[in-house]
Amino acid sequence: TILEIEASAILVKKGQGRVITTGVVDEEEMGGNGHTMRRKSMARGSVDNVLTILHQYFGIHTENYDLHINFPGGIPVDGPSAGVAMVVAIYSAISGVPVEHQICMTGEVSIRGFVKPIGGVVAKIEAARLAGASKVIIPRENWQDLFAEIKDLEIVTVDRIEEVVQIALCQDKEASVPAAKIAAAAAEKLEVVVAAAEI
């Protein structure tokens, strides 16, 4: 299944920003041996990781924006595999640089900026292909030799979140998007909504 991720960024007074996430599971129950405990969902934890990464590796002060991250479609989302798509969606919303059309991505992102492997990658690649994607970004550790036989879909492997942003954003606007350009773009554009596809 292809999940769309929407992100909206509105510049607010310094340090007054807030983050709203909709369409994700808030808590999950874990149990065994007669014990049950509740924990913050992995998807919700991924949002926290994403905010750290945007600040640490891209120089984005997310606390200066009202951010809304939405997973439309009515399917409750859980799990960390939407991490890279969330980074791209928020980066795009703040910088004003659009995401390439017909691109899908999947991968967990660590607070050190590494793109970590996820489960079900074969099914996710097939879903991207059936949805008409021309390119899919996956963690390098998820690469399988059988992917080389897929001719109608470009599969790009990555190790770092910086690679994902570089590949996913439209290159016709500028060759690269340095962090220094974000503040200028944000000052010109107070609100923008973008979507990135996560598989």
Protein backbone atom coordinates (compact mmCIF):
# COMPACT_ATOMS: atom_id res chain seq x y z
CA THR A 1 0.00 0.00 0.00
CA ILE A 2 1.22 3.49 -0.85
CA LEU A 3 0.74 5.99 1.98
CA GLU A 4 0.65 9.67 1.20
CA ILE A 5 2.27 12.02 3.69
CA GLU A 6 1.25 15.68 3.78
CA ALA A 7 3.20 18.39 5.58
CA SER A 8 2.29 22.00 6.23
CA ALA A 9 4.72 24.56 7.67
CA ILE A 10 3.67 28.00 8.92
CA LEU A 11 6.34 30.39 10.19
CA VAL A 12 5.48 31.68 13.68
CA LYS A 13 7.16 33.74 16.40
CA LYS A 14 10.56 32.42 17.36
CA GLY A 15 10.25 29.37 19.58
CA GLN A 16 6.44 29.37 19.49
CA GLY A 17 5.97 26.55 17.00
CA ARG A 18 4.06 23.35 17.64
CA VAL A 19 3.76 20.00 15.92
CA ILE A 20 0.50 18.26 15.07
CA THR A 21 0.53 14.72 13.70
CA THR A 22 -2.66 13.13 12.42
CA GLY A 23 -3.41 9.72 10.95
CA VAL A 24 -0.95 7.80 13.14
CA VAL A 25 -1.50 5.43 16.04
CA ASP A 26 -0.84 7.31 19.30
CA GLU A 27 -0.18 4.37 21.56
CA GLU A 28 0.25 0.65 21.15
CA GLU A 29 -0.19 -2.19 23.58
CA MET A 30 2.49 -4.78 24.07
CA GLY A 31 1.87 -7.90 26.04
CA GLY A 32 2.92 -11.38 26.90
CA ASN A 33 2.93 -13.74 29.85
CA GLY A 34 -0.14 -12.08 31.32
CA HIS A 35 1.42 -8.59 31.33
CA THR A 36 0.34 -5.66 29.20
CA MET A 37 2.05 -2.33 28.82
CA ARG A 38 1.35 0.71 26.70
CA ARG A 39 4.01 2.68 24.90
CA LYS A 40 4.16 5.61 22.56
CA SER A 41 3.73 4.30 19.02
CA MET A 42 6.78 3.84 16.81
CA ALA A 43 5.32 6.23 14.22
CA ARG A 44 4.88 8.93 16.87
CA GLY A 45 8.48 8.33 18.00
CA SER A 46 9.61 8.70 14.39
CA VAL A 47 8.21 12.24 14.35
CA ASP A 48 10.47 13.12 17.29
CA ASN A 49 13.46 11.64 15.43
CA VAL A 50 12.56 13.62 12.31
CA LEU A 51 12.51 16.93 14.21
CA THR A 52 15.94 16.19 15.70
CA ILE A 53 17.37 15.31 12.28
CA LEU A 54 15.98 18.43 10.59
CA HIS A 55 17.71 20.58 13.19
CA GLN A 56 20.95 18.66 13.50
CA TYR A 57 21.67 17.88 9.83
CA PHE A 58 19.78 20.57 7.91
CA GLY A 59 19.90 23.53 10.29
CA ILE A 60 16.11 23.83 10.40
CA HIS A 61 14.73 25.26 13.64
CA THR A 62 11.41 23.43 13.67
CA GLU A 63 10.41 25.22 16.88
CA ASN A 64 9.87 28.34 14.75
CA TYR A 65 7.13 26.68 12.70
CA ASP A 66 3.67 25.30 13.24
CA LEU A 67 4.06 21.93 11.57
CA HIS A 68 1.23 19.62 10.63
CA ILE A 69 2.09 16.14 9.42
CA ASN A 70 -0.86 14.18 8.10
CA PHE A 71 -1.27 10.63 6.84
CA PRO A 72 -4.55 10.81 4.88
CA GLY A 73 -6.58 7.81 3.81
CA GLY A 74 -8.09 6.56 7.04
CA ILE A 75 -5.53 3.79 7.59
CA PRO A 76 -3.94 4.20 11.05
CA VAL A 77 -0.18 4.32 10.54
CA ASP A 78 2.32 2.75 12.89
CA GLY A 79 5.92 1.69 12.54
CA PRO A 80 9.08 3.64 11.76
CA SER A 81 9.30 3.10 7.99
CA ALA A 82 7.79 6.49 7.12
CA GLY A 83 10.70 8.34 8.76
CA VAL A 84 12.54 9.27 5.56
CA ALA A 85 9.32 10.40 3.85
CA MET A 86 8.45 12.63 6.83
CA VAL A 87 11.89 14.29 6.68
CA VAL A 88 11.45 14.97 2.96
CA ALA A 89 7.87 16.27 3.36
CA ILE A 90 8.74 18.69 6.17
CA TYR A 91 11.97 19.83 4.49
CA SER A 92 10.01 20.52 1.31
CA ALA A 93 7.25 22.38 3.16
CA ILE A 94 9.74 24.67 4.89
CA SER A 95 12.14 25.23 1.98
CA GLY A 96 9.50 25.51 -0.74
CA VAL A 97 11.38 23.05 -2.97
CA PRO A 98 8.87 20.51 -4.30
CA VAL A 99 9.20 16.74 -4.11
CA GLU A 100 9.73 14.90 -7.41
CA HIS A 101 6.56 13.34 -8.80
CA GLN A 102 6.38 9.56 -9.20
CA ILE A 103 8.88 8.89 -6.41
CA CYS A 104 8.28 6.65 -3.41
CA MET A 105 10.53 6.10 -0.41
CA THR A 106 10.75 3.96 2.68
CA GLY A 107 13.14 3.65 5.57
CA GLU A 108 13.59 4.29 9.24
CA VAL A 109 15.84 7.23 10.09
CA SER A 110 18.05 7.32 13.17
CA ILE A 111 18.85 10.49 15.10
CA ARG A 112 22.38 10.17 13.71
CA GLY A 113 21.02 10.56 10.18
CA PHE A 114 21.40 6.95 9.07
CA VAL A 115 18.66 5.32 6.97
CA LYS A 116 17.95 1.99 8.63
CA PRO A 117 16.42 -1.15 7.09
CA ILE A 118 12.73 -1.92 7.33
CA GLY A 119 10.55 -4.99 6.91
CA GLY A 120 8.49 -6.02 3.89
CA VAL A 121 10.65 -4.24 1.33
CA VAL A 122 9.79 -6.60 -1.54
CA ALA A 123 6.06 -5.96 -1.11
CA LYS A 124 6.69 -2.23 -0.76
CA ILE A 125 8.67 -2.08 -3.99
CA GLU A 126 5.93 -3.99 -5.79
CA ALA A 127 3.30 -1.58 -4.42
CA ALA A 128 5.36 1.37 -5.70
CA ARG A 129 5.67 -0.26 -9.13
CA LEU A 130 1.94 -0.99 -9.35
CA ALA A 131 1.16 2.60 -8.31
CA GLY A 132 3.15 3.89 -11.28
CA ALA A 133 6.23 5.19 -9.47
CA SER A 134 9.31 5.66 -11.63
CA LYS A 135 11.77 5.67 -8.73
CA VAL A 136 11.85 4.22 -5.22
CA ILE A 137 14.35 5.00 -2.47
CA ILE A 138 15.17 2.21 -0.01
CA PRO A 139 17.79 1.66 2.71
CA ARG A 140 21.00 0.18 1.30
CA GLU A 141 20.79 -2.67 3.82
CA ASN A 142 17.48 -3.73 2.23
CA TRP A 143 19.00 -4.30 -1.23
CA GLN A 144 18.44 -7.74 -2.71
CA ASP A 145 19.98 -9.03 -5.95
CA LEU A 146 16.54 -9.79 -7.38
CA PHE A 147 15.87 -6.03 -7.52
CA ALA A 148 18.42 -5.76 -10.35
CA GLU A 149 15.96 -7.66 -12.57
CA ILE A 150 13.24 -5.00 -12.20
CA LYS A 151 13.39 -2.93 -15.39
CA ASP A 152 10.40 -0.60 -15.10
CA LEU A 153 11.36 0.97 -11.77
CA GLU A 154 14.60 2.64 -10.67
CA ILE A 155 15.56 1.43 -7.20
CA VAL A 156 17.96 3.76 -5.41
CA THR A 157 19.72 2.66 -2.22
CA VAL A 158 20.87 5.14 0.42
CA ASP A 159 22.75 5.17 3.69
CA ARG A 160 22.13 8.75 4.84
CA ILE A 161 19.12 11.06 5.09
CA GLU A 162 21.01 13.80 3.21
CA GLU A 163 21.07 11.48 0.17
CA VAL A 164 17.31 10.98 0.38
CA VAL A 165 16.60 14.73 0.42
CA GLN A 166 18.97 15.32 -2.49
CA ILE A 167 17.35 12.58 -4.60
CA ALA A 168 13.71 13.28 -3.68
CA LEU A 169 13.56 17.04 -4.24
CA CYS A 170 13.06 18.55 -7.69
CA GLN A 171 16.45 19.32 -9.18
CA ASP A 172 15.23 21.80 -11.77
CA LYS A 173 14.93 24.51 -9.12
CA GLU A 174 18.58 24.33 -8.11
CA ALA A 175 21.34 21.75 -8.24
CA SER A 176 21.36 21.31 -4.49
CA VAL A 177 19.54 22.78 -1.53
CA PRO A 178 22.01 23.92 1.13
CA ALA A 179 20.62 24.48 4.62
CA ALA A 180 21.47 28.19 4.37
CA LYS A 181 18.80 28.61 1.68
CA ILE A 182 16.02 27.34 3.94
CA ALA A 183 15.65 30.52 5.99
CA ALA A 184 15.34 32.68 2.87
CA ALA A 185 12.80 30.35 1.29
CA ALA A 186 10.79 30.18 4.51
CA ALA A 187 10.74 33.96 4.85
CA GLU A 188 9.22 34.27 1.38
CA LYS A 189 6.68 31.48 1.76
CA LEU A 190 4.79 31.28 5.04
CA GLU A 191 2.71 28.22 4.29
CA VAL A 192 3.13 25.42 1.83
CA VAL A 193 1.64 21.95 1.77
CA VAL A 194 3.55 19.12 0.13
CA ALA A 195 3.11 15.41 -0.13
CA ALA A 196 5.62 12.59 -0.21
CA ALA A 197 4.71 8.98 -0.84
CA GLU A 198 5.82 6.33 1.65
CA ILE A 199 5.54 2.66 0.89
